[in-house]
Protein backbone atom coordinates (compact mmCIF):
# COMPACT_ATOMS: atom_id res chain seq x y z
CA MET A 1 324.48 15.16 159.68
CA ASN A 2 325.67 18.97 160.41
CA THR A 3 328.19 19.68 162.65
CA LEU A 4 330.04 22.56 163.99
CA LYS A 5 333.28 22.99 162.07
CA ASN A 6 336.47 24.06 164.20
CA ILE A 7 338.48 26.75 164.95
CA ASN A 8 339.10 28.69 161.63
CA PRO A 9 341.94 27.85 160.22
CA GLN A 10 341.68 31.62 158.76
CA LYS A 11 341.07 33.01 161.95
CA PRO A 12 341.33 37.40 162.45
CA ALA A 13 344.53 37.77 164.72
CA GLY A 14 343.93 38.41 168.43
CA TRP A 15 341.04 40.80 169.91
CA VAL A 16 339.46 41.53 166.38
CA ALA A 17 338.03 37.62 167.19
CA LEU A 18 335.73 38.97 169.83
CA SER A 19 334.64 42.47 167.77
CA PRO A 20 331.21 41.27 167.74
CA LEU A 21 330.73 41.17 171.70
CA VAL A 22 332.33 44.29 171.62
CA ILE A 23 330.21 45.90 169.25
CA PHE A 24 326.88 44.60 171.34
CA LEU A 25 328.14 46.03 174.75
CA THR A 26 329.24 48.95 173.04
CA LEU A 27 325.81 48.93 171.48
CA TYR A 28 323.40 48.02 174.17
CA LEU A 29 325.26 48.69 177.26
CA GLY A 30 326.92 51.82 176.19
CA THR A 31 324.25 53.53 174.41
CA SER A 32 321.81 52.95 177.04
CA LEU A 33 323.97 54.30 179.72
CA LEU A 34 324.84 57.47 177.58
CA VAL A 35 321.05 58.12 177.64
CA ASP A 36 320.46 57.47 181.04
CA ASP A 37 317.74 54.36 179.25
CA PHE A 38 317.87 51.37 179.31
CA TYR A 39 314.57 51.16 177.13
CA LYS A 40 315.62 52.95 174.38
CA VAL A 41 317.90 50.43 172.53
CA PRO A 42 316.26 47.26 172.02
CA ILE A 43 318.60 44.25 172.86
CA THR A 44 317.56 42.70 169.56
CA VAL A 45 318.81 45.35 167.41
CA ALA A 46 322.14 45.37 169.41
CA PHE A 47 321.97 42.12 168.52
CA LEU A 48 321.19 41.67 164.65
CA PHE A 49 323.90 43.99 164.36
CA ALA A 50 326.47 42.67 166.07
CA SER A 51 325.59 38.88 164.75
CA CYS A 52 325.97 40.56 160.74
CA PHE A 53 329.25 42.11 161.59
CA ALA A 54 330.09 38.25 163.42
CA VAL A 55 328.88 36.74 159.71
CA ALA A 56 330.61 39.55 157.71
CA MET A 57 333.84 39.15 159.65
CA THR A 58 334.28 35.51 159.14
CA ARG A 59 336.88 34.48 156.88
CA GLY A 60 337.61 31.05 155.21
CA LEU A 61 333.90 30.26 154.69
CA LYS A 62 331.79 31.06 152.11
CA PHE A 63 328.64 33.43 152.40
CA GLU A 64 326.79 29.91 153.10
CA GLU A 65 328.49 28.12 155.08
CA ARG A 66 329.26 31.76 157.40
CA ILE A 67 325.40 31.49 158.04
CA LYS A 68 324.90 27.73 158.40
CA GLN A 69 327.60 27.69 160.89
CA PHE A 70 326.19 30.76 162.34
CA SER A 71 322.46 28.78 162.38
CA LEU A 72 324.19 25.65 164.20
CA GLY A 73 325.44 27.75 166.83
CA ALA A 74 322.03 28.86 167.45
CA SER A 75 320.71 25.82 167.28
CA ASN A 76 322.70 23.42 169.14
CA PRO A 77 320.88 21.41 171.69
CA ASN A 78 321.70 23.73 175.07
CA MET A 79 319.93 26.46 173.46
CA LEU A 80 316.82 24.01 171.62
CA LEU A 81 316.48 23.32 175.64
CA MET A 82 316.18 27.01 176.68
CA LEU A 83 314.33 28.05 173.86
CA TRP A 84 311.39 25.00 175.46
CA ILE A 85 311.53 26.31 178.52
CA PHE A 86 311.12 29.79 177.03
CA ILE A 87 307.62 28.74 175.28
CA LEU A 88 306.49 26.93 178.16
CA ALA A 89 307.23 29.24 180.88
CA GLY A 90 305.44 31.52 178.50
CA ALA A 91 302.12 29.51 178.33
CA PHE A 92 302.39 28.49 182.16
CA ALA A 93 302.74 31.84 183.23
CA ASN A 94 299.63 33.95 181.31
CA SER A 95 297.72 31.22 181.68
CA ALA A 96 297.87 31.19 185.47
CA LYS A 97 298.02 35.09 185.98
CA GLU A 98 294.52 34.78 183.70
CA MET A 99 293.00 31.76 186.26
CA GLY A 100 293.90 34.06 188.81
CA ALA A 101 296.57 32.70 190.23
CA ILE A 102 299.02 35.77 190.65
CA GLU A 103 296.54 37.37 192.86
CA ALA A 104 295.63 34.22 195.42
CA THR A 105 299.18 33.77 195.50
CA VAL A 106 300.27 37.16 196.68
CA ASN A 107 297.06 37.37 198.93
CA LEU A 108 298.45 34.29 200.60
CA THR A 109 302.02 35.62 201.01
CA LEU A 110 300.70 38.88 202.36
CA HIS A 111 298.06 37.03 204.82
CA VAL A 112 301.48 34.87 205.78
CA LEU A 113 304.97 36.83 206.12
CA PRO A 114 304.76 39.70 208.08
CA ASP A 115 305.89 43.33 206.38
CA ASN A 116 309.18 43.42 207.62
CA LEU A 117 309.94 39.79 206.54
CA LEU A 118 308.73 39.87 202.90
CA LEU A 119 311.95 40.80 200.82
CA ALA A 120 314.08 38.21 203.18
CA GLY A 121 311.17 36.01 202.89
CA ILE A 122 311.62 35.38 199.04
CA PHE A 123 315.11 35.71 199.30
CA VAL A 124 315.26 32.51 201.24
CA ALA A 125 312.33 31.14 199.36
CA ALA A 126 314.49 31.34 196.19
CA CYS A 127 317.43 30.34 197.93
CA PHE A 128 315.41 27.53 199.15
CA ILE A 129 313.94 26.50 195.52
CA SER A 130 316.94 26.75 193.98
CA LEU A 131 319.13 24.40 196.26
CA SER A 132 316.63 21.97 196.48
CA ILE A 133 316.06 21.64 192.04
CA GLY A 134 319.62 23.12 191.40
CA THR A 135 318.68 25.11 188.76
CA SER A 136 318.13 29.45 188.90
CA VAL A 137 316.14 29.12 185.40
CA GLY A 138 313.44 26.50 187.27
CA THR A 139 313.33 28.72 190.31
CA ILE A 140 312.97 32.18 188.40
CA VAL A 141 309.99 30.62 186.42
CA ALA A 142 308.66 29.60 190.04
CA LEU A 143 308.84 32.69 191.66
CA THR A 144 308.29 35.85 188.95
CA PRO A 145 305.05 35.75 188.84
CA VAL A 146 304.36 36.16 192.55
CA ALA A 147 307.45 38.50 193.05
CA THR A 148 305.60 40.85 190.10
CA GLY A 149 302.36 40.59 191.68
CA LEU A 150 303.87 41.01 195.36
CA ALA A 151 305.77 44.63 194.02
CA GLN A 152 302.34 45.83 192.33
CA HIS A 153 300.92 45.06 195.75
CA THR A 154 303.30 46.76 198.36
CA GLY A 155 304.94 49.73 195.92
CA ILE A 156 308.14 48.00 195.80
CA SER A 157 310.28 48.89 192.96
CA LEU A 158 309.82 45.95 190.57
CA PRO A 159 313.38 45.37 188.89
CA PHE A 160 314.70 45.28 192.67
CA MET A 161 312.09 42.38 193.68
CA LEU A 162 313.10 40.86 190.31
CA GLY A 163 316.43 41.28 191.97
CA VAL A 164 315.99 39.81 194.94
CA VAL A 165 314.58 36.15 193.26
CA VAL A 166 317.52 36.21 190.32
CA GLY A 167 320.20 36.38 193.28
CA GLY A 168 318.73 34.05 195.48
CA SER A 169 317.85 31.55 192.41
CA PHE A 170 322.10 31.49 191.82
CA PHE A 171 322.65 30.80 195.72
CA GLY A 172 320.98 27.26 194.76
CA ASP A 173 322.48 26.92 191.13
CA ASN A 174 325.65 27.20 192.82
CA LEU A 175 325.81 25.00 195.49
CA SER A 176 323.11 22.13 194.68
CA PHE A 177 324.16 18.57 194.19
CA ILE A 178 321.72 18.34 191.19
CA SER A 179 323.89 21.44 189.96
CA ASP A 180 324.77 21.48 185.97
CA THR A 181 327.70 23.98 187.28
CA THR A 182 328.71 21.44 190.51
CA ILE A 183 328.30 18.51 188.15
CA ALA A 184 330.38 20.33 185.42
CA SER A 185 332.99 21.68 188.10
CA THR A 186 333.70 18.47 189.78
CA ARG A 187 334.08 16.20 187.32
CA THR A 188 336.33 18.28 185.47
CA GLN A 189 338.76 18.49 188.17
CA GLY A 190 338.34 15.23 189.94
CA CYS A 191 336.85 16.04 193.50
CA LYS A 192 333.68 14.88 195.12
CA MET A 193 330.95 16.82 195.29
CA ARG A 194 330.58 16.48 199.38
CA ASP A 195 334.10 18.48 199.15
CA LYS A 196 333.44 21.09 197.02
CA PHE A 197 330.17 21.38 198.61
CA ARG A 198 332.09 22.38 201.83
CA ILE A 199 334.36 24.86 200.67
CA ASN A 200 332.13 25.96 198.97
CA SER A 201 329.73 27.23 201.50
CA LEU A 202 332.55 28.43 203.90
CA ILE A 203 332.72 31.07 201.17
CA VAL A 204 329.28 32.10 199.86
CA VAL A 205 327.01 31.02 202.75
CA PRO A 206 328.37 34.41 204.38
CA ALA A 207 327.65 36.16 201.47
CA ALA A 208 324.16 35.00 201.22
CA VAL A 209 323.80 35.52 205.23
CA ILE A 210 324.95 39.52 204.93
CA VAL A 211 322.63 39.26 202.03
CA LEU A 212 319.73 38.57 203.90
CA GLY A 213 320.40 41.06 207.19
CA ILE A 214 320.57 43.36 204.14
CA TYR A 215 317.00 42.55 203.61
CA ILE A 216 315.69 42.25 206.97
CA PHE A 217 316.91 46.17 207.46
CA MET A 218 315.02 47.16 204.37
CA GLY A 219 311.99 45.66 204.68
CA LEU A 220 311.71 46.85 208.60
CA ASP A 221 309.67 50.10 207.47
CA LEU A 222 308.26 48.13 204.60
CA THR A 223 304.33 47.86 204.63
CA ALA A 224 301.91 46.43 202.67
CA PRO A 225 297.77 46.71 202.21
CA VAL A 226 295.80 44.42 204.87
CA VAL A 227 294.29 41.02 203.02
CA THR A 228 290.71 40.88 203.85
CA VAL A 229 289.96 38.61 201.52
CA ARG A 230 289.28 35.18 201.45
CA ILE A 231 292.69 32.92 200.17
CA GLU A 232 291.50 30.90 197.27
CA TRP A 233 293.76 28.09 197.70
CA LEU A 234 292.60 26.12 194.73
CA ARG A 235 293.95 29.34 192.40
CA VAL A 236 297.29 28.63 194.63
CA LEU A 237 297.70 25.03 193.46
CA PRO A 238 299.25 25.76 190.14
CA TYR A 239 302.16 27.48 192.14
CA LEU A 240 302.39 24.93 194.62
CA LEU A 241 302.69 22.02 192.21
CA VAL A 242 305.07 23.41 190.13
CA ILE A 243 307.44 24.55 192.83
CA GLY A 244 306.44 20.69 194.60
CA MET A 245 307.40 18.88 191.42
CA ALA A 246 310.95 21.36 191.21
CA LEU A 247 311.54 20.23 194.27
CA VAL A 248 311.72 16.43 193.82
CA GLY A 249 313.61 16.85 190.97
CA LEU A 250 311.52 16.50 188.63
CA HIS A 251 312.88 18.24 184.76
CA VAL A 252 312.14 21.38 184.69
CA ILE A 253 309.70 20.55 180.68
CA PRO A 254 307.06 18.36 182.13
CA VAL A 255 307.28 20.49 185.42
CA LEU A 256 305.71 23.20 183.35
CA LEU A 257 303.59 20.86 181.22
CA ILE A 258 301.71 19.39 184.29
CA GLY A 259 301.76 23.13 185.88
CA ILE A 260 300.03 23.81 182.53
CA LEU A 261 297.33 21.82 182.59
CA SER A 262 296.97 22.37 186.00
CA THR A 263 295.99 25.86 185.56
CA ALA A 264 293.52 24.83 182.94
CA LEU A 265 291.92 22.08 185.49
CA VAL A 266 291.44 25.09 188.01
CA GLY A 267 290.67 27.24 185.84
CA PHE A 268 287.48 25.20 184.73
CA LEU A 269 286.94 24.31 188.00
CA THR A 270 286.34 28.19 189.09
CA GLY A 271 285.06 29.58 185.98
CA SER A 272 287.96 31.80 185.63
CA PHE A 273 288.26 30.83 181.40
CA THR A 274 286.39 28.69 179.05
CA PHE A 275 288.64 26.03 177.19
CA MET A 276 289.05 28.61 174.04
CA GLU A 277 290.35 31.34 176.46
CA TRP A 278 292.95 28.74 177.84
CA PHE A 279 293.82 28.47 174.45
CA ALA A 280 294.01 32.33 174.03
CA ALA A 281 295.82 33.07 177.46
CA MET A 282 298.37 30.12 177.07
CA GLY A 283 298.98 31.54 172.86
CA ASN A 284 299.22 35.35 174.36
CA GLY A 285 301.94 33.85 176.53
CA ILE A 286 304.14 32.10 173.86
CA THR A 287 304.11 35.14 171.81
CA ASP A 288 305.52 37.26 174.64
CA MET A 289 308.38 34.85 174.44
CA GLY A 290 308.90 36.12 171.13
CA GLU A 291 311.64 38.51 171.88
CA LEU A 292 313.07 36.44 174.29
CA ILE A 293 313.36 33.64 172.22
CA ILE A 294 314.74 35.96 169.19
CA ILE A 295 317.47 36.94 171.31
CA SER A 296 318.59 34.08 172.31
CA LEU A 297 318.80 32.51 168.66
CA LEU A 298 321.29 35.80 167.94
CA ALA A 299 323.46 35.09 170.52
CA GLY A 300 323.80 31.86 170.47
CA GLY A 301 325.00 32.32 166.60
CA MET A 302 327.06 35.01 167.27
CA LEU A 303 328.66 33.38 170.29
CA GLU A 304 329.49 30.12 167.88
CA LEU A 305 330.90 32.34 165.37
CA ILE A 306 333.13 34.27 168.28
CA ARG A 307 334.47 30.55 169.07
CA PHE A 308 334.92 29.46 165.60
CA ASN A 309 337.29 33.03 164.89
CA GLY A 310 339.31 31.81 167.99
CA GLY A 311 338.16 34.39 170.01
CA ILE A 312 337.97 32.41 173.31
CA ASP A 313 340.66 30.54 172.55
CA TYR A 314 343.06 33.59 172.16
CA LEU A 315 341.47 34.70 176.05
CA LEU A 316 342.20 31.55 177.28
CA ALA A 317 345.85 31.83 176.27
CA MET A 318 345.95 35.80 177.29
CA LEU A 319 345.13 34.91 180.58
CA THR A 320 347.23 31.80 181.57
CA ARG A 321 350.45 33.50 179.97
CA HIS A 322 351.35 35.23 182.84
CA ILE A 323 351.15 33.22 185.93
CA ARG A 324 353.43 33.04 189.04
CA SER A 325 351.71 32.16 191.86
CA LYS A 326 348.82 30.10 193.75
CA ARG A 327 347.18 33.57 194.00
CA GLY A 328 347.92 34.18 190.47
CA ALA A 329 347.11 30.67 189.51
CA GLU A 330 343.56 30.91 191.06
CA LEU A 331 342.36 34.28 190.15
CA GLY A 332 343.66 33.40 186.75
CA ILE A 333 341.31 30.53 186.52
CA ALA A 334 338.50 32.70 188.00
CA SER A 335 338.78 35.07 185.04
CA LEU A 336 339.50 32.65 182.62
CA VAL A 337 335.39 30.89 183.38
CA SER A 338 334.38 34.52 183.33
CA ILE A 339 335.43 35.79 180.40
CA ALA A 340 334.33 32.58 178.83
CA ASN A 341 330.97 32.74 180.32
CA LEU A 342 330.61 36.35 178.96
CA CYS A 343 331.71 34.91 175.65
CA THR A 344 329.34 31.74 176.00
CA ALA A 345 326.28 33.44 178.35
CA ASN A 346 325.85 29.54 179.57
CA ASN A 347 327.58 29.20 182.91
CA THR A 348 328.26 25.02 182.37
CA ILE A 349 329.44 25.21 178.78
CA ALA A 350 332.22 27.87 180.39
CA ILE A 351 332.81 25.56 183.05
CA LEU A 352 332.98 22.90 180.45
CA THR A 353 335.40 24.78 178.26
CA THR A 354 338.02 25.78 180.79
CA GLY A 355 337.76 22.77 182.81
CA PRO A 356 340.82 20.84 181.73
CA ILE A 357 342.61 24.66 181.12
CA ALA A 358 342.06 24.83 184.63
CA ALA A 359 343.04 21.23 186.01
CA ASN A 360 346.20 22.03 184.14
CA ILE A 361 347.08 24.82 186.17
CA THR A 362 346.12 22.77 188.84
CA ARG A 363 348.94 19.80 188.67
CA ARG A 364 351.49 22.70 187.89
CA TYR A 365 351.13 24.89 190.95
CA GLN A 366 350.00 22.73 193.14
CA LEU A 367 346.62 23.76 193.83
CA ASP A 368 343.81 22.17 195.98
CA ASN A 369 341.29 20.50 192.92
CA ARG A 370 338.36 21.05 195.39
CA LYS A 371 338.52 25.11 195.79
CA VAL A 372 339.52 25.14 191.78
CA ALA A 373 335.55 23.58 191.52
CA SER A 374 334.37 26.00 193.62
CA ILE A 375 336.33 28.71 191.96
CA LEU A 376 334.88 27.86 188.30
CA ASP A 377 331.39 27.01 190.14
CA THR A 378 331.15 30.73 191.85
CA PHE A 379 332.91 32.92 189.34
CA SER A 380 330.59 31.27 186.47
CA CYS A 381 327.19 31.83 188.53
CA PHE A 382 328.63 35.08 189.77
CA MET A 383 329.14 36.06 185.72
CA GLN A 384 325.85 34.70 184.39
CA GLY A 385 323.63 35.64 187.02
CA ILE A 386 325.20 39.61 185.82
CA LEU A 387 324.73 38.79 182.69
CA PRO A 388 321.64 41.00 180.55
CA TYR A 389 321.83 38.66 178.00
CA GLY A 390 321.97 35.48 179.87
CA ALA A 391 319.21 32.95 180.00
CA GLN A 392 317.77 34.03 184.13
CA LEU A 393 317.49 37.74 183.45
CA LEU A 394 316.24 37.17 180.34
CA MET A 395 313.77 35.00 181.65
CA ALA A 396 312.82 36.58 184.59
CA ALA A 397 312.57 40.67 182.43
CA GLY A 398 310.51 39.04 179.72
CA LEU A 399 308.19 37.28 182.36
CA ALA A 400 307.84 40.61 183.99
CA GLU A 401 308.09 42.86 180.62
CA ILE A 402 310.95 44.89 182.21
CA SER A 403 314.34 45.61 180.60
CA PRO A 404 317.31 43.23 181.62
CA LEU A 405 319.66 46.05 182.60
CA SER A 406 317.22 47.70 184.27
CA ILE A 407 317.69 44.47 187.13
CA ILE A 408 321.75 44.57 187.54
CA GLY A 409 321.52 47.40 189.90
CA ASN A 410 319.48 45.50 192.28
CA LEU A 411 321.57 41.93 192.18
CA TYR A 412 323.13 42.27 195.98
CA TYR A 413 323.46 38.68 195.96
CA PRO A 414 325.58 38.18 192.98
CA PHE A 415 327.66 41.14 193.26
CA THR A 416 327.93 40.13 196.68
CA MET A 417 329.15 36.43 196.17
CA GLY A 418 331.65 37.68 193.63
CA THR A 419 333.07 39.81 196.10
CA PHE A 420 333.74 36.82 198.98
CA ALA A 421 334.68 34.50 196.31
CA ILE A 422 337.66 37.58 195.42
CA CYS A 423 338.58 37.82 198.93
CA ALA A 424 338.78 33.64 199.78
CA ILE A 425 341.65 34.51 196.37
CA LEU A 426 343.45 37.20 198.04
CA PHE A 427 343.15 36.57 201.45
CA ARG A 428 343.78 32.77 200.57
CA TYR A 429 340.52 31.60 202.74
CA PRO A 430 339.53 28.86 203.47
CA ARG A 431 343.31 27.94 204.72
CA ARG A 432 343.18 24.42 205.27
CA TYR A 433 342.49 24.62 200.82
CA SER A 434 344.53 27.59 200.35
CA ARG A 435 348.46 26.06 201.15
């Protein structure tokens, strides 16, 4: 059975192990900022160059073994599950679009929500859904098509509208009792979920309230076209089904499968498409996810070689070397999980990677394990929420057919959440859990 190898015994020294990530960020972020155009540098090309360099710099393995290690990283179970979700999400999104679900849902939303509460309403919906289902990806899949349609009908910037959805999706990803990050952070720190939830809420709920207020204020002058068409509830049914099934805790894959079948049923009943046209719609949706799938595979392989070459272990050792106080210990834990997330592009894996180290720091500096669990979860969600190569931004950008970089400047909630989390460490808040 093929398995990932442990750390390379001939690993390169220090920061050299992290150089593939530096090359990627330089090619993609640096060049895009230099030319002031987020669309000129394909993210696939940046990952291709960085991945080739990661393979070339790996020592101690034959070329075939390096490719095998890269491939094992690209095909780990978490990555393959994400790819299945991408494929099904593409099929569902495009078949729903061809069936008329987006237009019907947009008309319903414009009919129900006052113009000045449109932005706030989308944010609250994203927060509520993600809190209920415990996943940001599922929330983004459900709401991105609707947000895209609303942006087109109201003239709101599409990257801004997607920033509202992605931001709200991380509210629940961070707090939900059934979120992978909540489970991972509490298990690695040995505390109860309700205790972590209580502390986490004191830190991030004020951030969410502030962002909600911003959206209400920004929406005061917003005007939307008056909906005069008849609301077609039947065409809205696939989205209602997806959201409803997600809320009761059904896994995202059967949710999307049932959603796809519902688009066929509604499409046939309304005469929106024939059987072969439904097939074509699904096929086109899956094809549209092609770049997203390629990016994910390249990222998974590159990040695995960074791990194999000792890059993550080196970062962990460097960040824990200079801790002297409780405040420094908490900042160290926050830095550890953030950088691990930067290197793995998966907040759950980042928590599992750094959790045991955080537990040792907690015991050594007598920190409160409930607050440490909150720090791990919050900073991993913050970093994941702003990564242009993270699954969430890639999914939102892929469904809306825009650059993930264009969304980053509109992520009000993740940045506000991160600011509040840093302040909670610096100002020893909540005090009861910071002594």
